C-alpha atoms as a PDB file:
ATOM      1  CA  MET A   1     137.836 -21.505 194.588  1.00  0.00           C
ATOM      2  CA  VAL A   2     139.694 -24.290 196.278  1.00  0.00           C
ATOM      3  CA  PHE A   3     138.986 -25.678 199.715  1.00  0.00           C
ATOM      4  CA  LYS A   4     141.845 -26.868 201.644  1.00  0.00           C
ATOM      5  CA  THR A   5     141.811 -29.620 204.708  1.00  0.00           C
ATOM      6  CA  ALA A   6     145.373 -29.530 205.249  1.00  0.00           C
ATOM      7  CA  THR A   7     147.174 -26.790 207.398  1.00  0.00           C
ATOM      8  CA  VAL A   8     150.097 -25.648 205.574  1.00  0.00           C
ATOM      9  CA  PHE A   9     151.937 -22.139 205.780  1.00  0.00           C
ATOM     10  CA  VAL A  10     154.813 -21.573 203.536  1.00  0.00           C
ATOM     11  CA  TYR A  11     157.023 -18.457 204.496  1.00  0.00           C
ATOM     12  CA  SER A  12     160.201 -17.670 201.866  1.00  0.00           C
ATOM     13  CA  GLN A  13     162.648 -14.938 202.237  1.00  0.00           C
ATOM     14  CA  THR A  14     163.925 -15.447 198.249  1.00  0.00           C
ATOM     15  CA  CYS A  15     163.264 -13.504 195.074  1.00  0.00           C
ATOM     16  CA  TYR A  16     160.347 -13.185 193.169  1.00  0.00           C
ATOM     17  CA  ALA A  17     158.822 -16.730 194.889  1.00  0.00           C
ATOM     18  CA  GLY A  18     155.457 -14.435 195.199  1.00  0.00           C
ATOM     19  CA  ALA A  19     155.469 -12.856 191.842  1.00  0.00           C
ATOM     20  CA  PHE A  20     152.062 -12.845 191.519  1.00  0.00           C
ATOM     21  CA  ASP A  21     152.382 -10.501 188.061  1.00  0.00           C
ATOM     22  CA  ASN A  22     154.906 -13.260 186.697  1.00  0.00           C
ATOM     23  CA  ARG A  23     157.918 -11.161 186.287  1.00  0.00           C
ATOM     24  CA  ASN A  24     160.927 -12.642 186.987  1.00  0.00           C
ATOM     25  CA  SER A  25     164.407 -10.624 187.638  1.00  0.00           C
ATOM     26  CA  SER A  26     165.263  -9.781 184.370  1.00  0.00           C
ATOM     27  CA  GLY A  27     161.978  -7.661 184.258  1.00  0.00           C
ATOM     28  CA  THR A  28     160.361  -9.911 181.757  1.00  0.00           C
ATOM     29  CA  TYR A  29     156.817 -11.340 182.281  1.00  0.00           C
ATOM     30  CA  ILE A  30     156.483 -14.943 181.816  1.00  0.00           C
ATOM     31  CA  SER A  31     153.570 -17.379 181.286  1.00  0.00           C
ATOM     32  CA  SER A  32     153.980 -19.484 183.987  1.00  0.00           C
ATOM     33  CA  ASP A  33     152.565 -18.503 187.966  1.00  0.00           C
ATOM     34  CA  SER A  34     154.917 -18.261 190.535  1.00  0.00           C
ATOM     35  CA  ILE A  35     155.651 -21.174 193.017  1.00  0.00           C
ATOM     36  CA  GLY A  36     153.504 -19.075 195.777  1.00  0.00           C
ATOM     37  CA  GLU A  37     150.487 -19.147 193.587  1.00  0.00           C
ATOM     38  CA  HIS A  38     151.326 -22.648 192.613  1.00  0.00           C
ATOM     39  CA  PHE A  39     151.508 -23.376 196.560  1.00  0.00           C
ATOM     40  CA  VAL A  40     147.622 -21.845 197.080  1.00  0.00           C
ATOM     41  CA  LYS A  41     146.059 -23.108 193.658  1.00  0.00           C
ATOM     42  CA  THR A  42     146.880 -26.728 194.004  1.00  0.00           C
ATOM     43  CA  SER A  43     144.002 -28.675 195.907  1.00  0.00           C
ATOM     44  CA  HIS A  44     146.532 -29.973 198.539  1.00  0.00           C
ATOM     45  CA  GLY A  45     148.516 -26.834 198.752  1.00  0.00           C
ATOM     46  CA  ALA A  46     149.365 -24.447 201.237  1.00  0.00           C
ATOM     47  CA  PHE A  47     146.118 -22.405 202.663  1.00  0.00           C
ATOM     48  CA  ALA A  48     148.683 -18.981 202.933  1.00  0.00           C
ATOM     49  CA  VAL A  49     152.064 -17.805 202.072  1.00  0.00           C
ATOM     50  CA  VAL A  50     154.648 -14.933 202.856  1.00  0.00           C
ATOM     51  CA  MET A  51     156.751 -14.483 199.917  1.00  0.00           C
ATOM     52  CA  ASN A  52     158.465 -11.384 198.022  1.00  0.00           C
ATOM     53  CA  SER A  53     157.119 -10.668 194.888  1.00  0.00           C
ATOM     54  CA  ARG A  54     160.467  -8.906 194.429  1.00  0.00           C
ATOM     55  CA  TYR A  55     163.940  -8.878 195.751  1.00  0.00           C
ATOM     56  CA  GLY A  56     164.410  -9.747 199.248  1.00  0.00           C
ATOM     57  CA  TRP A  57     166.448  -8.005 201.074  1.00  0.00           C
ATOM     58  CA  TYR A  58     169.597  -9.521 202.158  1.00  0.00           C
ATOM     59  CA  ASN A  59     173.273  -9.357 203.711  1.00  0.00           C
ATOM     60  CA  PRO A  60     175.672 -11.047 201.167  1.00  0.00           C
ATOM     61  CA  GLY A  61     178.096 -13.683 202.742  1.00  0.00           C
ATOM     62  CA  GLY A  62     175.847 -13.693 205.639  1.00  0.00           C
ATOM     63  CA  THR A  63     172.321 -14.487 207.295  1.00  0.00           C
ATOM     64  CA  ASN A  64     171.716 -11.321 209.049  1.00  0.00           C
ATOM     65  CA  GLY A  65     170.030  -9.088 206.449  1.00  0.00           C
ATOM     66  CA  SER A  66     166.648  -7.670 206.634  1.00  0.00           C
ATOM     67  CA  SER A  67     164.954 -10.212 205.241  1.00  0.00           C
ATOM     68  CA  GLN A  68     165.803 -12.495 208.141  1.00  0.00           C
ATOM     69  CA  HIS A  69     164.921  -9.734 210.880  1.00  0.00           C
ATOM     70  CA  PHE A  70     161.531  -9.743 209.315  1.00  0.00           C
ATOM     71  CA  ASP A  71     161.499 -13.145 209.213  1.00  0.00           C
ATOM     72  CA  ARG A  72     161.869 -13.570 213.059  1.00  0.00           C
ATOM     73  CA  GLU A  73     159.459 -10.789 213.913  1.00  0.00           C
ATOM     74  CA  PHE A  74     156.997 -12.286 212.242  1.00  0.00           C
ATOM     75  CA  PHE A  75     157.537 -15.882 213.962  1.00  0.00           C
ATOM     76  CA  ASN A  76     158.314 -14.139 217.086  1.00  0.00           C
ATOM     77  CA  THR A  77     155.011 -12.390 216.920  1.00  0.00           C
ATOM     78  CA  VAL A  78     152.843 -15.541 215.617  1.00  0.00           C
ATOM     79  CA  PHE A  79     154.231 -17.888 218.305  1.00  0.00           C
ATOM     80  CA  GLY A  80     156.219 -15.768 220.677  1.00  0.00           C
ATOM     81  CA  ASP A  81     153.188 -13.531 221.367  1.00  0.00           C
ATOM     82  CA  GLU A  82     150.959 -16.315 221.072  1.00  0.00           C
ATOM     83  CA  ILE A  83     148.931 -14.953 217.760  1.00  0.00           C
ATOM     84  CA  ALA A  84     146.522 -17.381 217.129  1.00  0.00           C
ATOM     85  CA  ARG A  85     145.255 -16.162 213.636  1.00  0.00           C
ATOM     86  CA  GLN A  86     147.533 -15.184 210.935  1.00  0.00           C
ATOM     87  CA  GLY A  87     145.448 -12.002 209.854  1.00  0.00           C
ATOM     88  CA  LEU A  88     145.862 -10.261 213.747  1.00  0.00           C
ATOM     89  CA  TYR A  89     150.028 -10.460 212.533  1.00  0.00           C
ATOM     90  CA  GLY A  90     149.273  -6.856 210.854  1.00  0.00           C
ATOM     91  CA  GLU A  91     147.818  -5.317 213.206  1.00  0.00           C
ATOM     92  CA  GLY A  92     150.155  -5.203 215.815  1.00  0.00           C
ATOM     93  CA  GLU A  93     152.739  -3.488 213.225  1.00  0.00           C
ATOM     94  CA  CYS A  94     150.019  -0.389 212.534  1.00  0.00           C
ATOM     95  CA  GLU A  95     149.770   0.290 216.248  1.00  0.00           C
END
């Protein structure tokens, strides 16, 4: 277990950044961990990440795809609704 003193949080909309099973976009499996795993496994890395394990949802040629809507809702909930603990974010989605 890696104990962290930093408060780095990483959110990404990119495809396969959080592919914890090491699968890439061509469907093959690689030996190296995803960038998301590297962020949380290193001693001075992030305490948490939110990343796609497969494709993100985008709007070709624009910035208003479904992934962007999820991004805005996530940060609106965390900061706008003043949710202090990240674990509480998902609770509102189930109600």
